[in-house]
Amino acid sequence: MPEHSSRRRVRGAAATLAAVALAGGAALTGCSSDGGPAGRGPEGARSPSPAATPAWDASPASVAAVGDSITRGFDACSVLADCPEVSWATGTDDGVRSLAVRLLGASKAASHSWNHAVSGARMAELPEQMALAAKDGPELVTVMIGANDACRDSVRLMTPEADFRASFEASMRQLRASAPKAQVYVSSVPDLKRLWSTGRENPLGKQIWKLGICRSMLGDADDLGPAAVARRDTVQERVVAYNEVLRDVCARDERCRYDGGAVFDYRFTGEQLSEWDWFHPSRNGQARLAEIAYRNVTASGPPA
């Protein structure tokens, strides 16, 4: 065979081998060792789905309340006295129609609601109240607290935001230790600056405030000087910060619903204030709080 013909056959064989090698390499590209496409696991494998968030029960069968004098109905019926029967959360008064009555009906509310709020309580005392509430085995726990943390004899004595947060977090842990499935409805702290601007229009109210009610905000009610304005602004800023804490901590608990600032934003008038101290809610004010709570508890979703 001529030499040049032999060389042509060698070159042809080499080209054929190269083509096969390239084809083989191309065939392997994109395949995994198990024969499936590269980058995918065995056929049918799926990533686990995230746990579903528990659905909010808009019709709980029992209610326990924790908080301060607002939830105790202080000064709503008589001077310097609790009046839990008109409490927005668990009261039995027909004119107020508390959250418990609206949810459970009057007869069932009497036996399936409990009020553990304490007049004068601050956030640091909430864990103890939560422990008591958990023992009742409620399906819903209402929380309204924080006004006393801002209402002090001086701005300096207000509860620091960090301490307020730590106590609320401890309260939620306390509840979850014994009542992991209880729902929690958290009301915002009322607008204390609006309270000052509304109540100062009443001469009698201002005289009562001089006895020492919420001095940090209501002291020297007619003083509009720079120092007084700065003092009230500082209190207001602290209340706003407290509400941010309530919102944030509640948002991290899948069974907690914050009111979205509904109580803070409510444009109350003198009609909603106690005639004895122009500070606590009157019967009318308690009824308005009950309306706000019922609307938010029974809503299909949390406030925006």
Protein backbone atom coordinates (compact mmCIF):
# COMPACT_ATOMS: atom_id res chain seq x y z
CA MET A 1 0.00 0.00 0.00
CA PRO A 2 1.43 3.41 -0.88
CA GLU A 3 2.72 5.39 2.11
CA HIS A 4 0.50 8.40 1.50
CA SER A 5 -2.62 6.17 1.45
CA SER A 6 -1.64 4.64 4.79
CA ARG A 7 -1.17 8.07 6.31
CA ARG A 8 -4.66 9.09 5.10
CA ARG A 9 -6.20 6.05 6.84
CA VAL A 10 -4.36 6.82 10.09
CA ARG A 11 -5.52 10.43 9.97
CA GLY A 12 -9.10 9.28 9.26
CA ALA A 13 -9.08 6.82 12.17
CA ALA A 14 -7.73 9.49 14.50
CA ALA A 15 -10.45 11.90 13.41
CA THR A 16 -13.09 9.24 14.01
CA LEU A 17 -11.75 8.51 17.50
CA ALA A 18 -11.70 12.22 18.30
CA ALA A 19 -15.30 12.60 17.16
CA VAL A 20 -16.39 9.66 19.30
CA ALA A 21 -14.53 11.06 22.29
CA LEU A 22 -16.13 14.46 21.82
CA ALA A 23 -19.56 12.91 21.43
CA GLY A 24 -19.04 10.81 24.53
CA GLY A 25 -17.94 13.83 26.50
CA ALA A 26 -20.94 15.76 25.31
CA ALA A 27 -23.23 12.90 26.29
CA LEU A 28 -21.81 12.86 29.82
CA THR A 29 -22.16 16.61 30.27
CA GLY A 30 -25.29 17.40 32.30
CA CYS A 31 -25.59 13.96 33.87
CA SER A 32 -25.13 13.06 37.50
CA SER A 33 -23.79 9.79 38.83
CA ASP A 34 -27.31 8.45 39.34
CA GLY A 35 -28.30 9.12 35.77
CA GLY A 36 -30.43 12.16 36.56
CA PRO A 37 -29.80 15.74 35.47
CA ALA A 38 -26.83 17.39 37.13
CA GLY A 39 -27.63 19.50 40.19
CA ARG A 40 -30.79 17.54 41.06
CA GLY A 41 -31.23 14.79 43.57
CA PRO A 42 -33.03 11.49 43.00
CA GLU A 43 -36.26 11.79 41.09
CA GLY A 44 -39.22 12.77 43.29
CA ALA A 45 -37.12 14.37 46.07
CA ARG A 46 -38.59 17.66 47.35
CA SER A 47 -37.49 20.25 49.91
CA PRO A 48 -39.60 20.14 53.09
CA SER A 49 -42.41 22.70 53.19
CA PRO A 50 -42.28 25.33 55.95
CA ALA A 51 -44.64 24.78 58.85
CA ALA A 52 -48.00 26.46 58.34
CA THR A 53 -48.83 29.40 60.60
CA PRO A 54 -51.71 28.48 62.93
CA ALA A 55 -54.99 30.02 61.87
CA TRP A 56 -56.26 32.80 64.15
CA ASP A 57 -59.44 31.74 65.97
CA ALA A 58 -61.87 34.66 65.74
CA SER A 59 -64.26 33.07 68.23
CA PRO A 60 -62.27 31.93 71.28
CA ALA A 61 -64.28 30.18 73.98
CA SER A 62 -62.65 31.85 77.00
CA VAL A 63 -60.84 35.10 77.83
CA ALA A 64 -58.31 36.11 80.48
CA ALA A 65 -57.25 39.74 80.89
CA VAL A 66 -53.98 41.16 82.21
CA GLY A 67 -52.86 44.75 82.55
CA ASP A 68 -53.39 47.82 84.70
CA SER A 69 -56.12 50.10 86.04
CA ILE A 70 -57.69 50.61 82.62
CA THR A 71 -58.61 46.93 82.47
CA ARG A 72 -59.79 47.09 86.10
CA GLY A 73 -62.26 49.87 85.25
CA PHE A 74 -60.67 52.16 87.83
CA ASP A 75 -62.58 55.42 88.45
CA ALA A 76 -65.24 54.45 85.91
CA CYS A 77 -68.01 53.88 88.48
CA SER A 78 -66.90 55.74 91.60
CA VAL A 79 -63.94 57.70 92.84
CA LEU A 80 -60.67 55.90 93.61
CA ALA A 81 -62.12 52.42 93.15
CA ASP A 82 -61.84 49.53 90.73
CA CYS A 83 -64.99 48.67 88.82
CA PRO A 84 -64.20 45.43 86.95
CA GLU A 85 -67.82 44.98 85.90
CA VAL A 86 -67.30 47.75 83.32
CA SER A 87 -63.91 46.49 82.13
CA TRP A 88 -63.54 46.60 78.35
CA ALA A 89 -62.04 43.10 78.44
CA THR A 90 -64.10 40.99 80.83
CA GLY A 91 -66.83 43.21 82.31
CA THR A 92 -70.50 42.30 82.56
CA ASP A 93 -72.03 45.79 82.23
CA ASP A 94 -74.74 45.91 79.56
CA GLY A 95 -73.74 49.40 78.49
CA VAL A 96 -70.11 48.48 77.89
CA ARG A 97 -70.58 45.04 76.33
CA SER A 98 -67.05 43.90 77.00
CA LEU A 99 -64.95 41.86 74.62
CA ALA A 100 -65.80 38.72 76.59
CA VAL A 101 -69.53 39.42 76.38
CA ARG A 102 -69.33 40.14 72.65
CA LEU A 103 -67.39 36.93 72.03
CA LEU A 104 -69.05 34.54 74.45
CA GLY A 105 -72.44 35.99 75.32
CA ALA A 106 -73.34 37.37 78.74
CA SER A 107 -74.00 34.08 80.51
CA LYS A 108 -70.87 32.30 79.32
CA ALA A 109 -68.68 35.35 79.85
CA ALA A 110 -69.44 35.22 83.56
CA SER A 111 -67.93 31.74 83.88
CA HIS A 112 -65.34 31.74 81.10
CA SER A 113 -63.51 35.04 81.61
CA TRP A 114 -61.02 36.15 84.25
CA ASN A 115 -59.49 39.54 85.09
CA HIS A 116 -55.96 39.45 86.53
CA ALA A 117 -55.12 43.09 85.85
CA VAL A 118 -53.87 45.18 88.78
CA SER A 119 -54.39 48.92 89.15
CA GLY A 120 -51.05 50.72 89.10
CA ALA A 121 -49.22 47.82 87.46
CA ARG A 122 -46.24 48.41 85.21
CA MET A 123 -44.74 46.11 82.61
CA ALA A 124 -42.31 44.60 85.12
CA GLU A 125 -45.30 43.06 86.92
CA LEU A 126 -46.83 41.48 83.83
CA PRO A 127 -45.00 38.12 84.03
CA GLU A 128 -46.72 37.37 87.34
CA GLN A 129 -50.11 38.24 85.89
CA MET A 130 -49.40 36.05 82.86
CA ALA A 131 -48.63 33.12 85.14
CA LEU A 132 -52.02 33.54 86.82
CA ALA A 133 -53.80 33.88 83.49
CA ALA A 134 -52.17 30.72 82.14
CA LYS A 135 -53.62 28.70 85.02
CA ASP A 136 -57.12 29.52 83.76
CA GLY A 137 -56.40 27.78 80.47
CA PRO A 138 -57.85 30.62 78.37
CA GLU A 139 -58.11 30.50 74.61
CA LEU A 140 -57.46 34.26 74.45
CA VAL A 141 -55.40 36.53 76.70
CA THR A 142 -55.83 40.30 76.39
CA VAL A 143 -52.96 42.63 77.28
CA MET A 144 -53.21 46.36 77.95
CA ILE A 145 -50.32 47.81 79.90
CA GLY A 146 -47.65 50.50 79.63
CA ALA A 147 -49.32 53.77 80.61
CA ASN A 148 -47.94 53.55 84.15
CA ASP A 149 -44.44 53.01 82.78
CA ALA A 150 -44.63 56.45 81.16
CA CYS A 151 -46.80 58.13 83.82
CA ARG A 152 -44.27 58.76 86.58
CA ASP A 153 -43.49 61.63 88.89
CA SER A 154 -40.71 62.68 86.52
CA VAL A 155 -39.40 61.81 83.07
CA ARG A 156 -36.29 60.38 84.67
CA LEU A 157 -38.36 57.67 86.38
CA MET A 158 -40.02 56.34 83.23
CA THR A 159 -39.28 52.69 82.45
CA PRO A 160 -36.38 52.43 79.98
CA GLU A 161 -37.37 50.98 76.64
CA ALA A 162 -34.93 48.06 77.02
CA ASP A 163 -36.42 47.11 80.39
CA PHE A 164 -39.93 47.39 78.98
CA ARG A 165 -38.96 45.00 76.17
CA ALA A 166 -37.27 42.52 78.49
CA SER A 167 -40.32 42.37 80.76
CA PHE A 168 -42.74 41.88 77.88
CA GLU A 169 -40.59 39.12 76.40
CA ALA A 170 -40.45 37.46 79.82
CA SER A 171 -44.24 37.75 80.05
CA MET A 172 -44.72 35.97 76.75
CA ARG A 173 -42.30 33.23 77.78
CA GLN A 174 -44.18 32.84 81.04
CA LEU A 175 -47.45 32.38 79.21
CA ARG A 176 -46.03 30.02 76.63
CA ALA A 177 -44.54 27.78 79.30
CA SER A 178 -48.03 26.83 80.51
CA ALA A 179 -50.37 27.87 77.70
CA PRO A 180 -48.53 27.34 74.41
CA LYS A 181 -51.67 27.54 72.28
CA ALA A 182 -53.39 30.51 73.89
CA GLN A 183 -53.93 33.45 71.56
CA VAL A 184 -52.80 36.88 72.73
CA TYR A 185 -54.38 40.21 71.83
CA VAL A 186 -52.17 43.20 72.64
CA SER A 187 -53.58 46.72 72.86
CA SER A 188 -51.36 49.71 72.24
CA VAL A 189 -50.60 52.22 75.00
CA PRO A 190 -53.03 55.18 74.79
CA ASP A 191 -51.93 58.56 73.49
CA LEU A 192 -51.06 60.40 76.71
CA LYS A 193 -50.37 63.66 74.94
CA ARG A 194 -53.88 63.69 73.52
CA LEU A 195 -55.11 62.99 77.04
CA TRP A 196 -53.32 66.14 78.20
CA SER A 197 -54.63 68.27 75.33
CA THR A 198 -58.20 67.03 75.82
CA GLY A 199 -58.36 67.07 79.60
CA ARG A 200 -56.75 70.47 80.07
CA GLU A 201 -59.84 72.06 78.56
CA ASN A 202 -61.75 71.10 81.71
CA PRO A 203 -60.99 73.31 84.76
CA LEU A 204 -62.04 70.59 87.21
CA GLY A 205 -59.88 68.02 85.46
CA LYS A 206 -56.81 70.22 85.74
CA GLN A 207 -57.42 70.71 89.45
CA ILE A 208 -57.62 66.95 89.96
CA TRP A 209 -54.41 66.42 88.01
CA LYS A 210 -52.64 68.65 90.53
CA LEU A 211 -53.11 65.86 93.07
CA GLY A 212 -50.32 64.03 91.27
CA ILE A 213 -51.87 62.10 88.38
CA CYS A 214 -49.30 61.26 85.68
CA ARG A 215 -47.02 64.19 86.55
CA SER A 216 -44.60 63.40 83.73
CA MET A 217 -47.28 64.34 81.18
CA LEU A 218 -50.06 66.16 83.06
CA GLY A 219 -48.06 68.19 85.57
CA ASP A 220 -48.35 71.99 85.13
CA ALA A 221 -50.97 71.40 82.47
CA ASP A 222 -51.15 75.05 81.36
CA ASP A 223 -47.39 75.53 81.12
CA LEU A 224 -46.52 75.90 77.43
CA GLY A 225 -42.92 76.94 77.98
CA PRO A 226 -40.01 75.17 76.24
CA ALA A 227 -39.17 72.94 79.20
CA ALA A 228 -42.76 71.75 79.66
CA VAL A 229 -43.18 71.14 75.94
CA ALA A 230 -39.92 69.17 75.83
CA ARG A 231 -41.01 67.12 78.85
CA ARG A 232 -44.31 66.16 77.24
CA ASP A 233 -42.60 65.37 73.95
CA THR A 234 -40.19 63.07 75.78
CA VAL A 235 -43.07 61.18 77.38
CA GLN A 236 -44.84 60.91 74.04
CA GLU A 237 -41.72 59.56 72.37
CA ARG A 238 -41.40 56.93 75.09
CA VAL A 239 -45.02 55.84 74.61
CA VAL A 240 -44.40 55.49 70.87
CA ALA A 241 -41.30 53.42 71.65
CA TYR A 242 -43.30 51.19 74.01
CA ASN A 243 -45.83 50.56 71.27
CA GLU A 244 -43.06 49.61 68.87
CA VAL A 245 -41.85 47.08 71.44
CA LEU A 246 -45.36 45.64 71.80
CA ARG A 247 -45.67 45.36 68.03
CA ASP A 248 -42.24 43.79 67.56
CA VAL A 249 -42.43 41.22 70.36
CA CYS A 250 -45.97 40.25 69.42
CA ALA A 251 -44.98 39.80 65.76
CA ARG A 252 -42.47 37.14 66.78
CA ASP A 253 -45.18 35.00 68.37
CA GLU A 254 -47.34 33.19 65.82
CA ARG A 255 -50.40 33.31 68.10
CA CYS A 256 -50.18 36.99 69.02
CA ARG A 257 -52.06 39.89 67.41
CA TYR A 258 -51.20 43.55 68.05
CA ASP A 259 -53.93 46.15 67.57
CA GLY A 260 -51.87 48.05 65.00
CA GLY A 261 -51.91 51.18 67.17
CA ALA A 262 -55.72 51.37 67.22
CA VAL A 263 -56.00 52.43 70.87
CA PHE A 264 -53.17 54.95 70.53
CA ASP A 265 -54.79 56.40 67.41
CA TYR A 266 -58.32 56.60 68.84
CA ARG A 267 -59.48 60.24 68.89
CA PHE A 268 -61.18 60.20 72.28
CA THR A 269 -62.99 63.19 73.75
CA GLY A 270 -63.96 64.23 77.27
CA GLU A 271 -66.96 61.91 77.03
CA GLN A 272 -64.62 58.93 77.13
CA LEU A 273 -62.79 60.17 80.27
CA SER A 274 -63.70 59.52 83.90
CA GLU A 275 -65.55 62.40 85.55
CA TRP A 276 -63.55 61.73 88.72
CA ASP A 277 -60.01 62.01 87.39
CA TRP A 278 -60.12 62.98 83.69
CA PHE A 279 -57.51 60.33 83.10
CA HIS A 280 -59.01 56.84 83.15
CA PRO A 281 -61.72 55.73 80.70
CA SER A 282 -65.34 56.33 81.65
CA ARG A 283 -68.01 53.72 80.95
CA ASN A 284 -68.25 55.22 77.49
CA GLY A 285 -64.49 54.98 77.09
CA GLN A 286 -64.51 51.35 78.21
CA ALA A 287 -67.19 50.59 75.62
CA ARG A 288 -65.07 52.16 72.89
CA LEU A 289 -62.09 50.03 73.93
CA ALA A 290 -64.30 46.93 73.79
CA GLU A 291 -65.42 47.86 70.28
CA ILE A 292 -61.83 48.27 69.09
CA ALA A 293 -60.78 44.96 70.61
CA TYR A 294 -63.74 43.03 69.23
CA ARG A 295 -63.17 44.43 65.75
CA ASN A 296 -59.52 43.37 65.77
CA VAL A 297 -59.98 39.99 67.43
CA THR A 298 -62.70 38.93 65.00
CA ALA A 299 -61.03 40.32 61.87
CA SER A 300 -59.85 37.82 59.26
CA GLY A 301 -56.33 39.21 59.50
CA PRO A 302 -54.24 41.43 61.77
CA PRO A 303 -54.44 45.23 61.43
CA ALA A 304 -52.21 46.69 58.73
